[in-house]
Every structure is written in structure tokens, then in C-alpha cells.
PDB file of N, CA and C in Angstrom:
ATOM      1  N   UNK A   1     100.132  -1.171  96.841  1.00  0.00           N
ATOM      2  CA  UNK A   1      98.806  -0.739  97.242  1.00  0.00           C
ATOM      3  C   UNK A   1      98.747   0.776  97.411  1.00  0.00           C
ATOM      4  N   UNK A   2      99.810   1.367  97.966  1.00  0.00           N
ATOM      5  CA  UNK A   2      99.822   2.812  98.178  1.00  0.00           C
ATOM      6  C   UNK A   2      99.769   3.551  96.845  1.00  0.00           C
ATOM      7  N   UNK A   3     100.395   2.974  95.833  1.00  0.00           N
ATOM      8  CA  UNK A   3     100.369   3.599  94.516  1.00  0.00           C
ATOM      9  C   UNK A   3      98.932   3.626  93.979  1.00  0.00           C
ATOM     10  N   UNK A   4      98.180   2.574  94.199  1.00  0.00           N
ATOM     11  CA  UNK A   4      96.794   2.531  93.733  1.00  0.00           C
ATOM     12  C   UNK A   4      95.953   3.590  94.427  1.00  0.00           C
ATOM     13  N   UNK A   5      96.157   3.768  95.718  1.00  0.00           N
ATOM     14  CA  UNK A   5      95.401   4.780  96.456  1.00  0.00           C
ATOM     15  C   UNK A   5      95.759   6.166  95.931  1.00  0.00           C
ATOM     16  N   UNK A   6      97.022   6.393  95.628  1.00  0.00           N
ATOM     17  CA  UNK A   6      97.449   7.670  95.072  1.00  0.00           C
ATOM     18  C   UNK A   6      96.823   7.941  93.720  1.00  0.00           C
ATOM     19  N   UNK A   7      96.727   6.919  92.886  1.00  0.00           N
ATOM     20  CA  UNK A   7      96.099   7.092  91.577  1.00  0.00           C
ATOM     21  C   UNK A   7      94.602   7.362  91.699  1.00  0.00           C
ATOM     22  N   UNK A   8      93.975   6.734  92.678  1.00  0.00           N
ATOM     23  CA  UNK A   8      92.557   6.975  92.912  1.00  0.00           C
ATOM     24  C   UNK A   8      92.333   8.423  93.334  1.00  0.00           C
ATOM     25  N   UNK A   9      93.141   8.919  94.261  1.00  0.00           N
ATOM     26  CA  UNK A   9      93.005  10.302  94.704  1.00  0.00           C
ATOM     27  C   UNK A   9      93.301  11.286  93.579  1.00  0.00           C
ATOM     28  N   UNK A  10      94.288  10.972  92.762  1.00  0.00           N
ATOM     29  CA  UNK A  10      94.597  11.836  91.627  1.00  0.00           C
ATOM     30  C   UNK A  10      93.429  11.863  90.640  1.00  0.00           C
ATOM     31  N   UNK A  11      92.830  10.710  90.368  1.00  0.00           N
ATOM     32  CA  UNK A  11      91.676  10.642  89.488  1.00  0.00           C
ATOM     33  C   UNK A  11      90.504  11.446  90.025  1.00  0.00           C
ATOM     34  N   UNK A  12      90.260  11.351  91.337  1.00  0.00           N
ATOM     35  CA  UNK A  12      89.174  12.128  91.948  1.00  0.00           C
ATOM     36  C   UNK A  12      89.467  13.626  91.900  1.00  0.00           C
ATOM     37  N   UNK A  13      90.728  13.996  92.118  1.00  0.00           N
ATOM     38  CA  UNK A  13      91.094  15.417  92.053  1.00  0.00           C
ATOM     39  C   UNK A  13      90.913  15.958  90.638  1.00  0.00           C
ATOM     40  N   UNK A  14      91.261  15.162  89.638  1.00  0.00           N
ATOM     41  CA  UNK A  14      91.073  15.600  88.255  1.00  0.00           C
ATOM     42  C   UNK A  14      89.598  15.686  87.883  1.00  0.00           C
ATOM     43  N   UNK A  15      88.776  14.786  88.407  1.00  0.00           N
ATOM     44  CA  UNK A  15      87.330  14.900  88.213  1.00  0.00           C
ATOM     45  C   UNK A  15      86.808  16.190  88.838  1.00  0.00           C
ATOM     46  N   UNK A  16      87.303  16.511  90.017  1.00  0.00           N
ATOM     47  CA  UNK A  16      86.925  17.762  90.667  1.00  0.00           C
ATOM     48  C   UNK A  16      87.367  18.974  89.864  1.00  0.00           C
ATOM     49  N   UNK A  17      88.553  18.899  89.266  1.00  0.00           N
ATOM     50  CA  UNK A  17      89.042  20.001  88.427  1.00  0.00           C
ATOM     51  C   UNK A  17      88.158  20.171  87.193  1.00  0.00           C
ATOM     52  N   UNK A  18      87.719  19.076  86.615  1.00  0.00           N
ATOM     53  CA  UNK A  18      86.817  19.151  85.469  1.00  0.00           C
ATOM     54  C   UNK A  18      85.493  19.803  85.835  1.00  0.00           C
ATOM     55  N   UNK A  19      84.944  19.427  86.986  1.00  0.00           N
ATOM     56  CA  UNK A  19      83.697  20.041  87.448  1.00  0.00           C
ATOM     57  C   UNK A  19      83.905  21.521  87.744  1.00  0.00           C
ATOM     58  N   UNK A  20      85.022  21.859  88.361  1.00  0.00           N
ATOM     59  CA  UNK A  20      85.317  23.259  88.655  1.00  0.00           C
ATOM     60  C   UNK A  20      85.403  24.091  87.379  1.00  0.00           C
ATOM     61  N   UNK A  21      86.003  23.540  86.344  1.00  0.00           N
ATOM     62  CA  UNK A  21      86.090  24.259  85.064  1.00  0.00           C
ATOM     63  C   UNK A  21      84.695  24.509  84.496  1.00  0.00           C
ATOM     64  N   UNK A  22      83.800  23.543  84.619  1.00  0.00           N
ATOM     65  CA  UNK A  22      82.424  23.732  84.156  1.00  0.00           C
ATOM     66  C   UNK A  22      81.726  24.818  84.972  1.00  0.00           C
ATOM     67  N   UNK A  23      81.914  24.811  86.292  1.00  0.00           N
ATOM     68  CA  UNK A  23      81.279  25.811  87.136  1.00  0.00           C
ATOM     69  C   UNK A  23      81.827  27.208  86.871  1.00  0.00           C
ATOM     70  N   UNK A  24      83.129  27.323  86.658  1.00  0.00           N
ATOM     71  CA  UNK A  24      83.721  28.623  86.334  1.00  0.00           C
ATOM     72  C   UNK A  24      83.233  29.122  84.979  1.00  0.00           C
ATOM     73  N   UNK A  25      83.026  28.216  84.051  1.00  0.00           N
ATOM     74  CA  UNK A  25      82.495  28.599  82.738  1.00  0.00           C
ATOM     75  C   UNK A  25      81.068  29.111  82.869  1.00  0.00           C
ATOM     76  N   UNK A  26      80.271  28.459  83.698  1.00  0.00           N
ATOM     77  CA  UNK A  26      78.896  28.915  83.914  1.00  0.00           C
ATOM     78  C   UNK A  26      78.883  30.297  84.554  1.00  0.00           C
ATOM     79  N   UNK A  27      79.778  30.516  85.495  1.00  0.00           N
ATOM     80  CA  UNK A  27      79.865  31.825  86.131  1.00  0.00           C
ATOM     81  C   UNK A  27      80.301  32.892  85.135  1.00  0.00           C
ATOM     82  N   UNK A  28      81.232  32.557  84.256  1.00  0.00           N
ATOM     83  CA  UNK A  28      81.765  33.516  83.301  1.00  0.00           C
ATOM     84  C   UNK A  28      80.742  33.946  82.257  1.00  0.00           C
ATOM     85  N   UNK A  29      79.777  33.094  81.955  1.00  0.00           N
ATOM     86  CA  UNK A  29      78.792  33.465  80.934  1.00  0.00           C
ATOM     87  C   UNK A  29      77.536  34.071  81.538  1.00  0.00           C
ATOM     88  N   UNK A  30      77.592  34.428  82.790  1.00  0.00           N
ATOM     89  CA  UNK A  30      76.465  35.129  83.384  1.00  0.00           C
ATOM     90  C   UNK A  30      76.059  34.619  84.748  1.00  0.00           C
ATOM     91  N   UNK A  31      76.367  33.392  85.049  1.00  0.00           N
ATOM     92  CA  UNK A  31      76.070  32.848  86.365  1.00  0.00           C
ATOM     93  C   UNK A  31      74.599  32.646  86.665  1.00  0.00           C
ATOM     94  N   UNK A  32      73.793  32.493  85.642  1.00  0.00           N
ATOM     95  CA  UNK A  32      72.367  32.269  85.866  1.00  0.00           C
ATOM     96  C   UNK A  32      72.118  30.814  86.264  1.00  0.00           C
ATOM     97  N   UNK A  33      70.922  30.577  86.766  1.00  0.00           N
ATOM     98  CA  UNK A  33      70.525  29.222  87.136  1.00  0.00           C
ATOM     99  C   UNK A  33      70.644  28.276  85.938  1.00  0.00           C
ATOM    100  N   UNK A  34      70.209  28.742  84.787  1.00  0.00           N
ATOM    101  CA  UNK A  34      70.226  27.909  83.580  1.00  0.00           C
ATOM    102  C   UNK A  34      71.665  27.573  83.189  1.00  0.00           C
ATOM    103  N   UNK A  35      72.571  28.548  83.299  1.00  0.00           N
ATOM    104  CA  UNK A  35      73.970  28.293  82.947  1.00  0.00           C
ATOM    105  C   UNK A  35      74.569  27.220  83.852  1.00  0.00           C
ATOM    106  N   UNK A  36      74.356  27.363  85.167  1.00  0.00           N
ATOM    107  CA  UNK A  36      74.885  26.361  86.098  1.00  0.00           C
ATOM    108  C   UNK A  36      74.239  24.995  85.861  1.00  0.00           C
ATOM    109  N   UNK A  37      72.921  24.980  85.674  1.00  0.00           N
ATOM    110  CA  UNK A  37      72.226  23.710  85.442  1.00  0.00           C
ATOM    111  C   UNK A  37      72.770  23.002  84.207  1.00  0.00           C
ATOM    112  N   UNK A  38      72.919  23.754  83.124  1.00  0.00           N
ATOM    113  CA  UNK A  38      73.385  23.154  81.878  1.00  0.00           C
ATOM    114  C   UNK A  38      74.814  22.655  81.992  1.00  0.00           C
ATOM    115  N   UNK A  39      75.669  23.393  82.659  1.00  0.00           N
ATOM    116  CA  UNK A  39      77.059  22.957  82.801  1.00  0.00           C
ATOM    117  C   UNK A  39      77.181  21.754  83.716  1.00  0.00           C
ATOM    118  N   UNK A  40      76.415  21.731  84.795  1.00  0.00           N
ATOM    119  CA  UNK A  40      76.465  20.575  85.695  1.00  0.00           C
ATOM    120  C   UNK A  40      75.895  19.337  85.008  1.00  0.00           C
ATOM    121  N   UNK A  41      74.767  19.498  84.323  1.00  0.00           N
ATOM    122  CA  UNK A  41      74.200  18.354  83.600  1.00  0.00           C
ATOM    123  C   UNK A  41      75.133  17.899  82.475  1.00  0.00           C
ATOM    124  N   UNK A  42      75.796  18.843  81.825  1.00  0.00           N
ATOM    125  CA  UNK A  42      76.773  18.478  80.801  1.00  0.00           C
ATOM    126  C   UNK A  42      77.927  17.691  81.379  1.00  0.00           C
ATOM    127  N   UNK A  43      78.424  18.127  82.539  1.00  0.00           N
ATOM    128  CA  UNK A  43      79.512  17.402  83.194  1.00  0.00           C
ATOM    129  C   UNK A  43      79.078  15.989  83.567  1.00  0.00           C
ATOM    130  N   UNK A  44      77.890  15.868  84.164  1.00  0.00           N
ATOM    131  CA  UNK A  44      77.396  14.539  84.572  1.00  0.00           C
ATOM    132  C   UNK A  44      77.181  13.654  83.352  1.00  0.00           C
ATOM    133  N   UNK A  45      76.574  14.207  82.300  1.00  0.00           N
ATOM    134  CA  UNK A  45      76.345  13.421  81.089  1.00  0.00           C
ATOM    135  C   UNK A  45      77.640  12.965  80.438  1.00  0.00           C
ATOM    136  N   UNK A  46      78.600  13.880  80.349  1.00  0.00           N
ATOM    137  CA  UNK A  46      79.902  13.509  79.776  1.00  0.00           C
ATOM    138  C   UNK A  46      80.608  12.471  80.635  1.00  0.00           C
ATOM    139  N   UNK A  47      80.472  12.592  81.954  1.00  0.00           N
ATOM    140  CA  UNK A  47      81.103  11.623  82.850  1.00  0.00           C
ATOM    141  C   UNK A  47      80.492  10.237  82.657  1.00  0.00           C
ATOM    142  N   UNK A  48      79.184  10.171  82.512  1.00  0.00           N
ATOM    143  CA  UNK A  48      78.518   8.873  82.319  1.00  0.00           C
ATOM    144  C   UNK A  48      78.948   8.249  80.998  1.00  0.00           C
ATOM    145  N   UNK A  49      78.923   9.037  79.925  1.00  0.00           N
ATOM    146  CA  UNK A  49      79.258   8.494  78.600  1.00  0.00           C
ATOM    147  C   UNK A  49      80.722   8.096  78.525  1.00  0.00           C
ATOM    148  N   UNK A  50      81.616   9.010  78.919  1.00  0.00           N
ATOM    149  CA  UNK A  50      83.045   8.676  78.843  1.00  0.00           C
ATOM    150  C   UNK A  50      83.404   7.593  79.858  1.00  0.00           C
ATOM    151  N   UNK A  51      82.712   7.588  80.998  1.00  0.00           N
ATOM    152  CA  UNK A  51      82.960   6.539  81.985  1.00  0.00           C
ATOM    153  C   UNK A  51      82.604   5.161  81.453  1.00  0.00           C
ATOM    154  N   UNK A  52      81.502   5.072  80.721  1.00  0.00           N
ATOM    155  CA  UNK A  52      81.112   3.784  80.142  1.00  0.00           C
ATOM    156  C   UNK A  52      82.134   3.312  79.108  1.00  0.00           C
ATOM    157  N   UNK A  53      82.611   4.237  78.293  1.00  0.00           N
ATOM    158  CA  UNK A  53      83.607   3.870  77.275  1.00  0.00           C
ATOM    159  C   UNK A  53      84.917   3.443  77.937  1.00  0.00           C
ATOM    160  N   UNK A  54      85.373   4.211  78.919  1.00  0.00           N
ATOM    161  CA  UNK A  54      86.626   3.875  79.598  1.00  0.00           C
ATOM    162  C   UNK A  54      86.476   2.586  80.398  1.00  0.00           C
ATOM    163  N   UNK A  55      85.323   2.365  81.000  1.00  0.00           N
ATOM    164  CA  UNK A  55      85.085   1.123  81.733  1.00  0.00           C
ATOM    165  C   UNK A  55      85.184  -0.078  80.785  1.00  0.00           C
ATOM    166  N   UNK A  56      84.581   0.057  79.590  1.00  0.00           N
ATOM    167  CA  UNK A  56      84.648  -1.038  78.614  1.00  0.00           C
ATOM    168  C   UNK A  56      86.089  -1.281  78.166  1.00  0.00           C
ATOM    169  N   UNK A  57      86.834  -0.217  77.947  1.00  0.00           N
ATOM    170  CA  UNK A  57      88.245  -0.375  77.594  1.00  0.00           C
ATOM    171  C   UNK A  57      89.022  -1.007  78.737  1.00  0.00           C
ATOM    172  N   UNK A  58      88.671  -0.639  79.963  1.00  0.00           N
ATOM    173  CA  UNK A  58      89.331  -1.217  81.129  1.00  0.00           C
ATOM    174  C   UNK A  58      89.100  -2.703  81.255  1.00  0.00           C
ATOM    175  N   UNK A  59      87.894  -3.152  80.922  1.00  0.00           N
ATOM    176  CA  UNK A  59      87.623  -4.588  80.952  1.00  0.00           C
ATOM    177  C   UNK A  59      88.502  -5.336  79.956  1.00  0.00           C
ATOM    178  N   UNK A  60      88.816  -4.677  78.860  1.00  0.00           N
ATOM    179  CA  UNK A  60      89.605  -5.320  77.815  1.00  0.00           C
ATOM    180  C   UNK A  60      91.101  -5.258  78.081  1.00  0.00           C
ATOM    181  N   UNK A  61      91.584  -4.100  78.544  1.00  0.00           N
ATOM    182  CA  UNK A  61      93.030  -3.892  78.597  1.00  0.00           C
ATOM    183  C   UNK A  61      93.642  -3.912  80.002  1.00  0.00           C
ATOM    184  N   UNK A  62      92.917  -3.497  81.020  1.00  0.00           N
ATOM    185  CA  UNK A  62      93.482  -3.489  82.368  1.00  0.00           C
ATOM    186  C   UNK A  62      92.439  -3.952  83.383  1.00  0.00           C
ATOM    187  N   UNK A  63      91.990  -5.161  83.188  1.00  0.00           N
ATOM    188  CA  UNK A  63      90.933  -5.753  84.017  1.00  0.00           C
ATOM    189  C   UNK A  63      91.342  -5.761  85.497  1.00  0.00           C
ATOM    190  N   UNK A  64      90.431  -5.261  86.333  1.00  0.00           N
ATOM    191  CA  UNK A  64      90.674  -5.257  87.766  1.00  0.00           C
ATOM    192  C   UNK A  64      91.440  -4.052  88.268  1.00  0.00           C
ATOM    193  N   UNK A  65      91.924  -3.203  87.406  1.00  0.00           N
ATOM    194  CA  UNK A  65      92.675  -2.006  87.816  1.00  0.00           C
ATOM    195  C   UNK A  65      91.744  -0.795  87.761  1.00  0.00           C
ATOM    196  N   UNK A  66      90.881  -0.680  88.756  1.00  0.00           N
ATOM    197  CA  UNK A  66      89.905   0.400  88.792  1.00  0.00           C
ATOM    198  C   UNK A  66      90.568   1.753  89.034  1.00  0.00           C
ATOM    199  N   UNK A  67      91.773   1.720  89.627  1.00  0.00           N
ATOM    200  CA  UNK A  67      92.491   2.962  89.825  1.00  0.00           C
ATOM    201  C   UNK A  67      92.883   3.589  88.489  1.00  0.00           C
ATOM    202  N   UNK A  68      93.282   2.772  87.541  1.00  0.00           N
ATOM    203  CA  UNK A  68      93.649   3.282  86.221  1.00  0.00           C
ATOM    204  C   UNK A  68      92.400   3.774  85.490  1.00  0.00           C
ATOM    205  N   UNK A  69      91.291   3.063  85.650  1.00  0.00           N
ATOM    206  CA  UNK A  69      90.040   3.493  85.023  1.00  0.00           C
ATOM    207  C   UNK A  69      89.625   4.855  85.553  1.00  0.00           C
ATOM    208  N   UNK A  70      89.672   5.043  86.864  1.00  0.00           N
ATOM    209  CA  UNK A  70      89.294   6.317  87.464  1.00  0.00           C
ATOM    210  C   UNK A  70      90.274   7.423  87.066  1.00  0.00           C
ATOM    211  N   UNK A  71      91.550   7.104  87.003  1.00  0.00           N
ATOM    212  CA  UNK A  71      92.546   8.086  86.577  1.00  0.00           C
ATOM    213  C   UNK A  71      92.307   8.508  85.130  1.00  0.00           C
ATOM    214  N   UNK A  72      92.035   7.557  84.254  1.00  0.00           N
ATOM    215  CA  UNK A  72      91.768   7.888  82.848  1.00  0.00           C
ATOM    216  C   UNK A  72      90.518   8.754  82.728  1.00  0.00           C
ATOM    217  N   UNK A  73      89.482   8.437  83.498  1.00  0.00           N
ATOM    218  CA  UNK A  73      88.264   9.242  83.488  1.00  0.00           C
ATOM    219  C   UNK A  73      88.553  10.651  83.998  1.00  0.00           C
ATOM    220  N   UNK A  74      89.332  10.758  85.051  1.00  0.00           N
ATOM    221  CA  UNK A  74      89.690  12.070  85.594  1.00  0.00           C
ATOM    222  C   UNK A  74      90.487  12.907  84.615  1.00  0.00           C
ATOM    223  N   UNK A  75      91.450  12.286  83.944  1.00  0.00           N
ATOM    224  CA  UNK A  75      92.251  13.011  82.957  1.00  0.00           C
ATOM    225  C   UNK A  75      91.363  13.505  81.825  1.00  0.00           C
ATOM    226  N   UNK A  76      90.510  12.634  81.318  1.00  0.00           N
ATOM    227  CA  UNK A  76      89.639  13.018  80.211  1.00  0.00           C
ATOM    228  C   UNK A  76      88.673  14.123  80.626  1.00  0.00           C
ATOM    229  N   UNK A  77      88.090  14.027  81.805  1.00  0.00           N
ATOM    230  CA  UNK A  77      87.150  15.049  82.256  1.00  0.00           C
ATOM    231  C   UNK A  77      87.851  16.379  82.515  1.00  0.00           C
ATOM    232  N   UNK A  78      89.081  16.343  83.024  1.00  0.00           N
ATOM    233  CA  UNK A  78      89.831  17.585  83.225  1.00  0.00           C
ATOM    234  C   UNK A  78      90.137  18.242  81.883  1.00  0.00           C
ATOM    235  N   UNK A  79      90.488  17.451  80.883  1.00  0.00           N
ATOM    236  CA  UNK A  79      90.753  18.007  79.556  1.00  0.00           C
ATOM    237  C   UNK A  79      89.481  18.573  78.921  1.00  0.00           C
ATOM    238  N   UNK A  80      88.367  17.872  79.069  1.00  0.00           N
ATOM    239  CA  UNK A  80      87.100  18.379  78.538  1.00  0.00           C
ATOM    240  C   UNK A  80      86.704  19.654  79.280  1.00  0.00           C
ATOM    241  N   UNK A  81      86.881  19.679  80.590  1.00  0.00           N
ATOM    242  CA  UNK A  81      86.574  20.877  81.373  1.00  0.00           C
ATOM    243  C   UNK A  81      87.431  22.059  80.948  1.00  0.00           C
ATOM    244  N   UNK A  82      88.705  21.812  80.683  1.00  0.00           N
ATOM    245  CA  UNK A  82      89.594  22.864  80.195  1.00  0.00           C
ATOM    246  C   UNK A  82      89.124  23.379  78.838  1.00  0.00           C
ATOM    247  N   UNK A  83      88.712  22.469  77.975  1.00  0.00           N
ATOM    248  CA  UNK A  83      88.198  22.851  76.659  1.00  0.00           C
ATOM    249  C   UNK A  83      86.939  23.713  76.792  1.00  0.00           C
ATOM    250  N   UNK A  84      86.026  23.317  77.677  1.00  0.00           N
ATOM    251  CA  UNK A  84      84.798  24.082  77.900  1.00  0.00           C
ATOM    252  C   UNK A  84      85.140  25.456  78.470  1.00  0.00           C
ATOM    253  N   UNK A  85      86.078  25.498  79.419  1.00  0.00           N
ATOM    254  CA  UNK A  85      86.457  26.761  80.035  1.00  0.00           C
ATOM    255  C   UNK A  85      87.092  27.701  79.018  1.00  0.00           C
ATOM    256  N   UNK A  86      87.934  27.196  78.146  1.00  0.00           N
ATOM    257  CA  UNK A  86      88.562  28.029  77.124  1.00  0.00           C
ATOM    258  C   UNK A  86      87.519  28.528  76.125  1.00  0.00           C
ATOM    259  N   UNK A  87      86.557  27.701  75.786  1.00  0.00           N
ATOM    260  CA  UNK A  87      85.543  28.078  74.790  1.00  0.00           C
ATOM    261  C   UNK A  87      84.406  28.906  75.370  1.00  0.00           C
ATOM    262  N   UNK A  88      84.448  29.240  76.629  1.00  0.00           N
ATOM    263  CA  UNK A  88      83.385  30.059  77.209  1.00  0.00           C
ATOM    264  C   UNK A  88      83.340  31.424  76.569  1.00  0.00           C
ATOM    265  N   UNK A  89      84.465  31.884  75.989  1.00  0.00           N
ATOM    266  CA  UNK A  89      84.510  33.191  75.357  1.00  0.00           C
ATOM    267  C   UNK A  89      83.722  33.219  74.041  1.00  0.00           C
ATOM    268  N   UNK A  90      83.473  32.070  73.475  1.00  0.00           N
ATOM    269  CA  UNK A  90      82.768  32.036  72.185  1.00  0.00           C
ATOM    270  C   UNK A  90      81.253  31.967  72.346  1.00  0.00           C
ATOM    271  N   UNK A  91      80.748  32.001  73.588  1.00  0.00           N
ATOM    272  CA  UNK A  91      79.307  31.940  73.830  1.00  0.00           C
ATOM    273  C   UNK A  91      78.731  33.334  73.598  1.00  0.00           C
ATOM    274  N   UNK A  92      77.751  33.395  72.729  1.00  0.00           N
ATOM    275  CA  UNK A  92      77.078  34.657  72.454  1.00  0.00           C
ATOM    276  C   UNK A  92      75.639  34.535  72.912  1.00  0.00           C
ATOM    277  N   UNK A  93      75.214  35.398  73.750  1.00  0.00           N
ATOM    278  CA  UNK A  93      73.835  35.275  74.184  1.00  0.00           C
ATOM    279  C   UNK A  93      73.496  36.234  75.176  1.00  0.00           C
TER     280      UNK A  93
END
């Protein structure tokens, strides 16, 4: 049981890291209201879409293990956030 709680916390921390990467990217491109709004909405939209896909995979492969589902979502969102943060330099505007 303790391992499951640890995986849940790790998944939440990785989700937070993904959101932080989006917020830092918004700040780096000017920090305007529109930049923050777009990055936050992008994070939420990506979380909903990838969460639905991972949830469906979880029903098929690891039914009842919500800790693994949350961990997979956190890992994916952290990687997407890192990708967005790295690509902030290519924004021209």
C-alpha cells in the first residue's frame, strides 16, 4: 500500500512539473496574460486528452491500478512540458 501512495505522489509531482514548465515557457515568451492563458489551457487540454487515452489503456492492461495511471499521466505531462519549455526559443512574435 505504501508503494501505491508513493507512486501517486510521484505522479502528482510530475504533473506539477509539467505545469511549471508551461508557466515558465509563458513567462519566457513575454509573460503576458494571453501567454499564460494559452499555456495553462494547453496544459489542461493535453492533460484531458492524454488522461483519457491513458485511462483507456489502464482499463485494458492494469485495471484497478490508478496509481500507475496517474504516474503514467505525470510522466507524459512532464515530458510534454519539457518539450514545450525547450521549444519556447522558437516562438517568434
